[in-house]
Amino acid sequence: QGAGDLALVLFYQWWHETDGMPAFATWIEGRFPSGDGSNGVDGELHLNLTQTWAPGFRGHLEGFVKTANGISGDGDEENIRDFQWGAGPGVDFDLSDQTIAVVNYLNAASEEYGSSNTQVLELGLAHELAPQQHVKFAFDINLDHDDGAADFAAKVQWSIEW
């Protein structure tokens, strides 16, 4: 249930990294209900700082805010937290010219009222298939082992940029 929801992401890098200043980028994301049992349109605003620490090794700090106006699949619409947020650090390392490994930590508001914040560790790879085409694989590990959330999740994403 919920499979097939569509998302549109618009990304913009405001400035590139310099010796004294990290790169800064923002993106907005909209989730449009098209899956079984989905409704409402959700919007997210992400802010990201990235700084190179050593050749091929970068650190990140990301934060986001989200308006949750619907559900994906069979969630409990009455208990959905209307405003959600999250922030956390991450690192990535160039394995080759086409592949990077990523480790991210996220502390985020729970999706439902009455639940505690969630802490997630994400481990992933991103590989360039062709210019402006990437495939991304990631595993999320729920560090809280909260009864309301899965302990593990797997993600696959294919992206086209223009």
N, C-alpha and C. Protein backbone atom coordinates (compact mmCIF):
# COMPACT_ATOMS: atom_id res chain seq x y z
N GLN A 1 0.84 -1.18 0.00
CA GLN A 1 0.00 0.00 0.00
C GLN A 1 0.87 1.23 0.00
N GLY A 2 0.45 2.23 -0.73
CA GLY A 2 1.22 3.44 -0.83
C GLY A 2 2.26 3.38 -1.93
N ALA A 3 2.58 2.18 -2.40
CA ALA A 3 3.58 2.06 -3.45
C ALA A 3 3.11 2.81 -4.69
N GLY A 4 4.01 3.53 -5.29
CA GLY A 4 3.67 4.25 -6.50
C GLY A 4 3.43 5.73 -6.28
N ASP A 5 3.46 6.22 -5.04
CA ASP A 5 3.33 7.65 -4.84
C ASP A 5 4.45 8.35 -5.62
N LEU A 6 4.14 9.48 -6.21
CA LEU A 6 5.09 10.22 -7.01
C LEU A 6 5.69 11.36 -6.20
N ALA A 7 6.97 11.62 -6.42
CA ALA A 7 7.63 12.74 -5.75
C ALA A 7 8.33 13.58 -6.80
N LEU A 8 8.27 14.88 -6.63
CA LEU A 8 8.98 15.82 -7.49
C LEU A 8 9.95 16.57 -6.60
N VAL A 9 11.22 16.60 -7.00
CA VAL A 9 12.26 17.27 -6.22
C VAL A 9 12.91 18.35 -7.09
N LEU A 10 13.00 19.56 -6.55
CA LEU A 10 13.70 20.65 -7.21
C LEU A 10 14.88 21.03 -6.33
N PHE A 11 16.09 20.95 -6.89
CA PHE A 11 17.33 21.14 -6.16
C PHE A 11 18.07 22.35 -6.70
N TYR A 12 18.69 23.13 -5.80
CA TYR A 12 19.51 24.24 -6.26
C TYR A 12 20.70 24.42 -5.31
N GLN A 13 21.90 24.50 -5.88
CA GLN A 13 23.10 24.76 -5.09
C GLN A 13 23.36 26.27 -5.16
N TRP A 14 23.23 26.94 -4.01
CA TRP A 14 23.35 28.39 -3.94
C TRP A 14 24.79 28.86 -4.06
N TRP A 15 25.72 28.12 -3.46
CA TRP A 15 27.12 28.44 -3.66
C TRP A 15 27.96 27.19 -3.52
N HIS A 16 29.10 27.23 -4.21
CA HIS A 16 30.04 26.12 -4.19
C HIS A 16 31.01 26.29 -3.03
N GLU A 17 31.61 25.21 -2.64
CA GLU A 17 32.57 25.19 -1.54
C GLU A 17 33.80 26.00 -1.88
N THR A 18 34.29 26.74 -0.90
CA THR A 18 35.57 27.45 -1.00
C THR A 18 36.41 27.04 0.20
N ASP A 19 37.64 27.53 0.28
CA ASP A 19 38.50 27.17 1.40
C ASP A 19 37.89 27.53 2.74
N GLY A 20 37.18 28.64 2.81
CA GLY A 20 36.64 29.08 4.10
C GLY A 20 35.16 28.86 4.28
N MET A 21 34.47 28.36 3.26
CA MET A 21 33.02 28.24 3.37
C MET A 21 32.54 26.95 2.72
N PRO A 22 31.63 26.22 3.40
CA PRO A 22 31.09 24.99 2.80
C PRO A 22 30.11 25.31 1.67
N ALA A 23 29.86 24.33 0.84
CA ALA A 23 28.83 24.46 -0.18
C ALA A 23 27.47 24.51 0.51
N PHE A 24 26.53 25.22 -0.09
CA PHE A 24 25.18 25.33 0.48
C PHE A 24 24.17 25.03 -0.61
N ALA A 25 23.25 24.13 -0.30
CA ALA A 25 22.20 23.76 -1.26
C ALA A 25 20.87 23.63 -0.54
N THR A 26 19.81 23.82 -1.29
CA THR A 26 18.46 23.60 -0.78
C THR A 26 17.71 22.77 -1.80
N TRP A 27 16.69 22.09 -1.34
CA TRP A 27 15.78 21.44 -2.27
C TRP A 27 14.41 21.35 -1.63
N ILE A 28 13.42 21.36 -2.51
CA ILE A 28 12.05 21.17 -2.07
C ILE A 28 11.56 19.87 -2.70
N GLU A 29 10.69 19.20 -1.97
CA GLU A 29 10.15 17.93 -2.45
C GLU A 29 8.66 17.91 -2.20
N GLY A 30 7.93 17.48 -3.20
CA GLY A 30 6.48 17.30 -3.07
C GLY A 30 6.14 15.85 -3.27
N ARG A 31 5.29 15.29 -2.38
CA ARG A 31 4.78 13.93 -2.54
C ARG A 31 3.34 14.03 -3.01
N PHE A 32 3.07 13.38 -4.14
CA PHE A 32 1.75 13.43 -4.75
C PHE A 32 1.12 12.04 -4.68
N PRO A 33 -0.07 11.95 -4.09
CA PRO A 33 -0.68 10.63 -3.89
C PRO A 33 -1.10 9.99 -5.19
N SER A 34 -0.56 8.83 -5.46
CA SER A 34 -0.99 8.04 -6.61
C SER A 34 -1.01 6.56 -6.24
N GLY A 35 -0.57 6.23 -5.03
CA GLY A 35 -0.54 4.85 -4.58
C GLY A 35 -1.86 4.44 -3.93
N ASP A 36 -1.99 3.16 -3.69
CA ASP A 36 -3.19 2.59 -3.08
C ASP A 36 -3.36 3.12 -1.66
N GLY A 37 -4.47 3.79 -1.38
CA GLY A 37 -4.76 4.29 -0.05
C GLY A 37 -4.09 5.60 0.30
N SER A 38 -3.40 6.24 -0.64
CA SER A 38 -2.70 7.49 -0.35
C SER A 38 -3.63 8.68 -0.58
N ASN A 39 -3.37 9.77 0.17
CA ASN A 39 -4.11 11.01 -0.06
C ASN A 39 -3.28 12.18 0.42
N GLY A 40 -3.69 13.41 0.07
CA GLY A 40 -3.01 14.62 0.50
C GLY A 40 -1.66 14.79 -0.17
N VAL A 41 -1.23 16.04 -0.29
CA VAL A 41 0.07 16.37 -0.86
C VAL A 41 0.97 16.85 0.27
N ASP A 42 2.16 16.30 0.36
CA ASP A 42 3.12 16.69 1.39
C ASP A 42 4.23 17.52 0.76
N GLY A 43 4.78 18.47 1.52
CA GLY A 43 5.89 19.28 1.05
C GLY A 43 7.02 19.30 2.05
N GLU A 44 8.26 19.29 1.53
CA GLU A 44 9.45 19.33 2.38
C GLU A 44 10.41 20.40 1.86
N LEU A 45 11.11 21.05 2.80
CA LEU A 45 12.20 21.97 2.49
C LEU A 45 13.44 21.45 3.19
N HIS A 46 14.50 21.21 2.42
CA HIS A 46 15.77 20.70 2.95
C HIS A 46 16.85 21.76 2.79
N LEU A 47 17.73 21.85 3.80
CA LEU A 47 18.91 22.72 3.77
C LEU A 47 20.12 21.84 4.01
N ASN A 48 21.20 22.06 3.25
CA ASN A 48 22.38 21.20 3.37
C ASN A 48 23.67 22.00 3.23
N LEU A 49 24.61 21.75 4.15
CA LEU A 49 25.97 22.28 4.08
C LEU A 49 26.91 21.12 3.84
N THR A 50 27.88 21.28 2.93
CA THR A 50 28.85 20.22 2.63
C THR A 50 30.26 20.81 2.60
N GLN A 51 31.19 20.14 3.26
CA GLN A 51 32.58 20.58 3.30
C GLN A 51 33.50 19.38 3.05
N THR A 52 34.49 19.54 2.18
CA THR A 52 35.48 18.50 1.94
C THR A 52 36.51 18.53 3.07
N TRP A 53 36.77 17.38 3.66
CA TRP A 53 37.74 17.26 4.76
C TRP A 53 39.09 16.74 4.27
N ALA A 54 39.05 15.87 3.27
CA ALA A 54 40.24 15.27 2.68
C ALA A 54 39.86 14.87 1.26
N PRO A 55 40.82 14.58 0.39
CA PRO A 55 40.46 14.18 -0.97
C PRO A 55 39.46 13.01 -0.98
N GLY A 56 38.30 13.23 -1.61
CA GLY A 56 37.28 12.20 -1.73
C GLY A 56 36.44 11.98 -0.48
N PHE A 57 36.62 12.78 0.56
CA PHE A 57 35.92 12.59 1.84
C PHE A 57 35.24 13.90 2.23
N ARG A 58 33.90 13.88 2.33
CA ARG A 58 33.12 15.08 2.63
C ARG A 58 32.24 14.87 3.86
N GLY A 59 31.98 15.95 4.56
CA GLY A 59 31.04 15.95 5.67
C GLY A 59 29.83 16.80 5.31
N HIS A 60 28.67 16.44 5.86
CA HIS A 60 27.42 17.13 5.55
C HIS A 60 26.68 17.44 6.84
N LEU A 61 25.88 18.47 6.79
CA LEU A 61 24.91 18.77 7.84
C LEU A 61 23.62 19.12 7.13
N GLU A 62 22.57 18.34 7.41
CA GLU A 62 21.29 18.54 6.74
C GLU A 62 20.20 18.76 7.76
N GLY A 63 19.24 19.59 7.39
CA GLY A 63 18.04 19.78 8.18
C GLY A 63 16.85 19.89 7.26
N PHE A 64 15.67 19.56 7.76
CA PHE A 64 14.47 19.69 6.94
C PHE A 64 13.26 20.03 7.79
N VAL A 65 12.27 20.62 7.14
CA VAL A 65 10.94 20.81 7.71
C VAL A 65 9.95 20.24 6.70
N LYS A 66 8.83 19.73 7.21
CA LYS A 66 7.87 19.04 6.34
C LYS A 66 6.46 19.35 6.80
N THR A 67 5.59 19.57 5.83
CA THR A 67 4.16 19.64 6.12
C THR A 67 3.56 18.31 5.67
N ALA A 68 2.90 17.63 6.58
CA ALA A 68 2.30 16.33 6.28
C ALA A 68 0.78 16.52 6.20
N ASN A 69 0.27 16.49 5.00
CA ASN A 69 -1.15 16.75 4.77
C ASN A 69 -1.94 15.52 4.41
N GLY A 70 -1.29 14.39 4.32
CA GLY A 70 -1.98 13.16 3.94
C GLY A 70 -1.21 11.96 4.42
N ILE A 71 -1.58 10.80 3.93
CA ILE A 71 -0.92 9.57 4.33
C ILE A 71 -0.49 8.80 3.10
N SER A 72 0.52 7.97 3.29
CA SER A 72 0.99 7.08 2.24
C SER A 72 0.60 5.68 2.65
N GLY A 73 -0.33 5.08 1.93
CA GLY A 73 -0.75 3.72 2.27
C GLY A 73 -1.77 3.70 3.39
N ASP A 74 -1.59 2.78 4.35
CA ASP A 74 -2.62 2.56 5.37
C ASP A 74 -2.27 3.20 6.72
N GLY A 75 -1.59 4.35 6.72
CA GLY A 75 -1.24 5.03 7.97
C GLY A 75 -2.46 5.54 8.70
N ASP A 76 -2.26 6.01 9.93
CA ASP A 76 -3.33 6.53 10.77
C ASP A 76 -3.42 8.04 10.56
N GLU A 77 -4.31 8.47 9.67
CA GLU A 77 -4.40 9.87 9.27
C GLU A 77 -4.72 10.80 10.44
N GLU A 78 -5.50 10.35 11.41
CA GLU A 78 -5.90 11.21 12.52
C GLU A 78 -4.73 11.57 13.43
N ASN A 79 -3.73 10.73 13.53
CA ASN A 79 -2.60 10.98 14.42
C ASN A 79 -1.36 11.53 13.72
N ILE A 80 -1.44 11.81 12.42
CA ILE A 80 -0.28 12.32 11.69
C ILE A 80 0.08 13.71 12.22
N ARG A 81 1.34 13.90 12.53
CA ARG A 81 1.85 15.21 12.97
C ARG A 81 1.90 16.11 11.74
N ASP A 82 1.18 17.24 11.78
CA ASP A 82 1.07 18.12 10.62
C ASP A 82 2.41 18.75 10.22
N PHE A 83 3.23 19.07 11.21
CA PHE A 83 4.52 19.71 10.96
C PHE A 83 5.61 18.80 11.52
N GLN A 84 6.56 18.43 10.68
CA GLN A 84 7.65 17.53 11.09
C GLN A 84 8.98 18.19 10.76
N TRP A 85 10.04 17.76 11.41
CA TRP A 85 11.37 18.31 11.21
C TRP A 85 12.40 17.23 11.44
N GLY A 86 13.62 17.50 11.03
CA GLY A 86 14.72 16.58 11.29
C GLY A 86 16.05 17.25 10.97
N ALA A 87 17.13 16.73 11.56
CA ALA A 87 18.46 17.26 11.31
C ALA A 87 19.49 16.20 11.66
N GLY A 88 20.65 16.28 11.03
CA GLY A 88 21.72 15.36 11.37
C GLY A 88 22.92 15.48 10.47
N PRO A 89 24.05 14.94 10.92
CA PRO A 89 25.28 14.97 10.14
C PRO A 89 25.42 13.73 9.26
N GLY A 90 26.33 13.81 8.32
CA GLY A 90 26.63 12.66 7.47
C GLY A 90 28.01 12.81 6.84
N VAL A 91 28.49 11.72 6.27
CA VAL A 91 29.76 11.72 5.56
C VAL A 91 29.60 10.90 4.29
N ASP A 92 30.40 11.22 3.28
CA ASP A 92 30.47 10.36 2.10
C ASP A 92 31.91 10.26 1.66
N PHE A 93 32.20 9.17 0.94
CA PHE A 93 33.55 8.89 0.48
C PHE A 93 33.49 8.39 -0.95
N ASP A 94 34.35 8.93 -1.81
CA ASP A 94 34.42 8.50 -3.21
C ASP A 94 35.09 7.14 -3.29
N LEU A 95 34.34 6.13 -3.71
CA LEU A 95 34.93 4.81 -3.95
C LEU A 95 35.58 4.74 -5.33
N SER A 96 35.01 5.50 -6.27
CA SER A 96 35.55 5.61 -7.63
C SER A 96 35.01 6.92 -8.21
N ASP A 97 35.31 7.18 -9.47
CA ASP A 97 34.79 8.39 -10.11
C ASP A 97 33.27 8.34 -10.27
N GLN A 98 32.68 7.14 -10.26
CA GLN A 98 31.23 7.00 -10.45
C GLN A 98 30.47 6.56 -9.21
N THR A 99 31.14 6.20 -8.12
CA THR A 99 30.45 5.62 -6.97
C THR A 99 30.90 6.26 -5.66
N ILE A 100 29.92 6.60 -4.81
CA ILE A 100 30.24 7.09 -3.47
C ILE A 100 29.51 6.24 -2.44
N ALA A 101 30.13 6.12 -1.27
CA ALA A 101 29.51 5.46 -0.11
C ALA A 101 29.07 6.58 0.84
N VAL A 102 27.91 6.37 1.50
CA VAL A 102 27.31 7.40 2.34
C VAL A 102 26.93 6.81 3.69
N VAL A 103 27.20 7.58 4.76
CA VAL A 103 26.71 7.25 6.10
C VAL A 103 26.08 8.53 6.65
N ASN A 104 24.80 8.46 7.02
CA ASN A 104 24.07 9.61 7.54
C ASN A 104 23.38 9.23 8.85
N TYR A 105 23.28 10.21 9.75
CA TYR A 105 22.51 10.06 10.99
C TYR A 105 21.41 11.12 10.95
N LEU A 106 20.21 10.74 11.37
CA LEU A 106 19.08 11.67 11.37
C LEU A 106 18.31 11.56 12.67
N ASN A 107 18.08 12.69 13.31
CA ASN A 107 17.17 12.77 14.46
C ASN A 107 15.98 13.56 13.96
N ALA A 108 14.79 12.95 13.97
CA ALA A 108 13.62 13.58 13.38
C ALA A 108 12.40 13.45 14.29
N ALA A 109 11.50 14.40 14.14
CA ALA A 109 10.22 14.32 14.84
C ALA A 109 9.48 13.08 14.34
N SER A 110 8.74 12.47 15.22
CA SER A 110 7.96 11.29 14.82
C SER A 110 6.87 11.70 13.84
N GLU A 111 6.40 10.75 13.07
CA GLU A 111 5.34 11.04 12.11
C GLU A 111 3.98 11.17 12.78
N GLU A 112 3.82 10.58 13.96
CA GLU A 112 2.52 10.61 14.63
C GLU A 112 2.64 11.25 16.01
N TYR A 113 1.59 11.97 16.40
CA TYR A 113 1.54 12.55 17.74
C TYR A 113 1.62 11.43 18.78
N GLY A 114 2.25 11.72 19.91
CA GLY A 114 2.34 10.75 20.98
C GLY A 114 3.51 9.80 20.88
N SER A 115 4.27 9.86 19.79
CA SER A 115 5.45 9.01 19.62
C SER A 115 6.70 9.85 19.84
N SER A 116 7.79 9.20 20.26
CA SER A 116 9.04 9.91 20.47
C SER A 116 9.75 10.17 19.14
N ASN A 117 10.73 11.08 19.16
CA ASN A 117 11.54 11.34 17.98
C ASN A 117 12.20 10.04 17.52
N THR A 118 12.53 10.00 16.24
CA THR A 118 13.20 8.82 15.71
C THR A 118 14.67 9.15 15.42
N GLN A 119 15.51 8.17 15.60
CA GLN A 119 16.93 8.29 15.28
C GLN A 119 17.25 7.18 14.28
N VAL A 120 17.77 7.58 13.13
CA VAL A 120 18.00 6.64 12.04
C VAL A 120 19.44 6.75 11.55
N LEU A 121 20.06 5.61 11.31
CA LEU A 121 21.37 5.54 10.68
C LEU A 121 21.15 5.01 9.26
N GLU A 122 21.63 5.76 8.26
CA GLU A 122 21.48 5.37 6.87
C GLU A 122 22.84 5.01 6.29
N LEU A 123 22.92 3.84 5.66
CA LEU A 123 24.13 3.38 4.98
C LEU A 123 23.78 3.20 3.51
N GLY A 124 24.56 3.78 2.60
CA GLY A 124 24.17 3.68 1.21
C GLY A 124 25.29 3.84 0.22
N LEU A 125 24.93 3.60 -1.04
CA LEU A 125 25.81 3.78 -2.19
C LEU A 125 25.05 4.53 -3.26
N ALA A 126 25.75 5.40 -3.97
CA ALA A 126 25.17 6.08 -5.14
C ALA A 126 26.14 5.85 -6.30
N HIS A 127 25.59 5.42 -7.44
CA HIS A 127 26.43 5.09 -8.60
C HIS A 127 25.89 5.82 -9.82
N GLU A 128 26.82 6.44 -10.57
CA GLU A 128 26.45 7.12 -11.80
C GLU A 128 26.37 6.10 -12.93
N LEU A 129 25.16 5.93 -13.48
CA LEU A 129 24.96 5.00 -14.60
C LEU A 129 25.40 5.63 -15.92
N ALA A 130 25.09 6.88 -16.08
CA ALA A 130 25.43 7.66 -17.27
C ALA A 130 25.40 9.12 -16.83
N PRO A 131 25.88 10.03 -17.67
CA PRO A 131 25.81 11.44 -17.27
C PRO A 131 24.37 11.81 -16.87
N GLN A 132 24.24 12.35 -15.68
CA GLN A 132 22.97 12.82 -15.12
C GLN A 132 21.97 11.71 -14.81
N GLN A 133 22.42 10.47 -14.70
CA GLN A 133 21.57 9.36 -14.28
C GLN A 133 22.28 8.60 -13.16
N HIS A 134 21.57 8.39 -12.05
CA HIS A 134 22.16 7.71 -10.90
C HIS A 134 21.21 6.66 -10.36
N VAL A 135 21.78 5.62 -9.81
CA VAL A 135 21.01 4.65 -9.04
C VAL A 135 21.56 4.69 -7.62
N LYS A 136 20.65 4.68 -6.65
CA LYS A 136 21.04 4.82 -5.24
C LYS A 136 20.42 3.69 -4.44
N PHE A 137 21.22 3.08 -3.58
CA PHE A 137 20.79 2.00 -2.70
C PHE A 137 21.08 2.44 -1.27
N ALA A 138 20.16 2.19 -0.36
CA ALA A 138 20.40 2.56 1.04
C ALA A 138 19.65 1.63 1.97
N PHE A 139 20.21 1.48 3.17
CA PHE A 139 19.57 0.76 4.26
C PHE A 139 19.42 1.72 5.43
N ASP A 140 18.23 1.81 5.99
CA ASP A 140 17.99 2.61 7.18
C ASP A 140 17.90 1.67 8.37
N ILE A 141 18.58 2.05 9.45
CA ILE A 141 18.54 1.28 10.69
C ILE A 141 17.94 2.17 11.76
N ASN A 142 16.80 1.76 12.31
CA ASN A 142 16.14 2.51 13.37
C ASN A 142 16.91 2.26 14.67
N LEU A 143 17.55 3.28 15.21
CA LEU A 143 18.37 3.13 16.41
C LEU A 143 17.54 3.09 17.69
N ASP A 144 16.27 3.47 17.62
CA ASP A 144 15.39 3.49 18.79
C ASP A 144 14.68 2.17 19.03
N HIS A 145 14.52 1.39 17.98
CA HIS A 145 13.74 0.15 18.04
C HIS A 145 12.35 0.42 18.59
N ASP A 146 11.76 1.53 18.14
CA ASP A 146 10.42 1.93 18.54
C ASP A 146 9.40 0.94 17.98
N ASP A 147 8.40 0.63 18.78
CA ASP A 147 7.38 -0.33 18.34
C ASP A 147 6.63 0.14 17.09
N GLY A 148 6.53 1.48 16.89
CA GLY A 148 5.77 1.99 15.77
C GLY A 148 6.53 2.05 14.46
N ALA A 149 7.81 1.77 14.46
CA ALA A 149 8.61 1.88 13.25
C ALA A 149 9.40 0.60 13.00
N ALA A 150 9.67 0.34 11.74
CA ALA A 150 10.46 -0.84 11.38
C ALA A 150 11.90 -0.65 11.84
N ASP A 151 12.56 -1.73 12.23
CA ASP A 151 13.96 -1.66 12.65
C ASP A 151 14.90 -1.46 11.46
N PHE A 152 14.52 -1.98 10.29
CA PHE A 152 15.33 -1.87 9.08
C PHE A 152 14.44 -1.50 7.90
N ALA A 153 15.00 -0.75 6.97
CA ALA A 153 14.30 -0.44 5.73
C ALA A 153 15.33 -0.40 4.60
N ALA A 154 14.93 -0.81 3.42
CA ALA A 154 15.80 -0.76 2.25
C ALA A 154 15.18 0.19 1.23
N LYS A 155 16.04 0.95 0.54
CA LYS A 155 15.56 1.90 -0.45
C LYS A 155 16.37 1.76 -1.73
N VAL A 156 15.69 1.90 -2.86
CA VAL A 156 16.34 1.95 -4.16
C VAL A 156 15.74 3.15 -4.90
N GLN A 157 16.59 3.97 -5.48
CA GLN A 157 16.12 5.15 -6.19
C GLN A 157 16.90 5.29 -7.49
N TRP A 158 16.20 5.60 -8.55
CA TRP A 158 16.82 5.92 -9.81
C TRP A 158 16.50 7.38 -10.10
N SER A 159 17.50 8.18 -10.42
CA SER A 159 17.26 9.60 -10.64
C SER A 159 17.81 10.04 -11.98
N ILE A 160 17.09 10.99 -12.57
CA ILE A 160 17.52 11.63 -13.81
C ILE A 160 17.57 13.12 -13.51
N GLU A 161 18.69 13.75 -13.86
CA GLU A 161 18.87 15.17 -13.60
C GLU A 161 18.95 15.92 -14.92
N TRP A 162 18.45 17.13 -14.91
CA TRP A 162 18.61 17.99 -16.08
C TRP A 162 18.67 19.43 -15.66
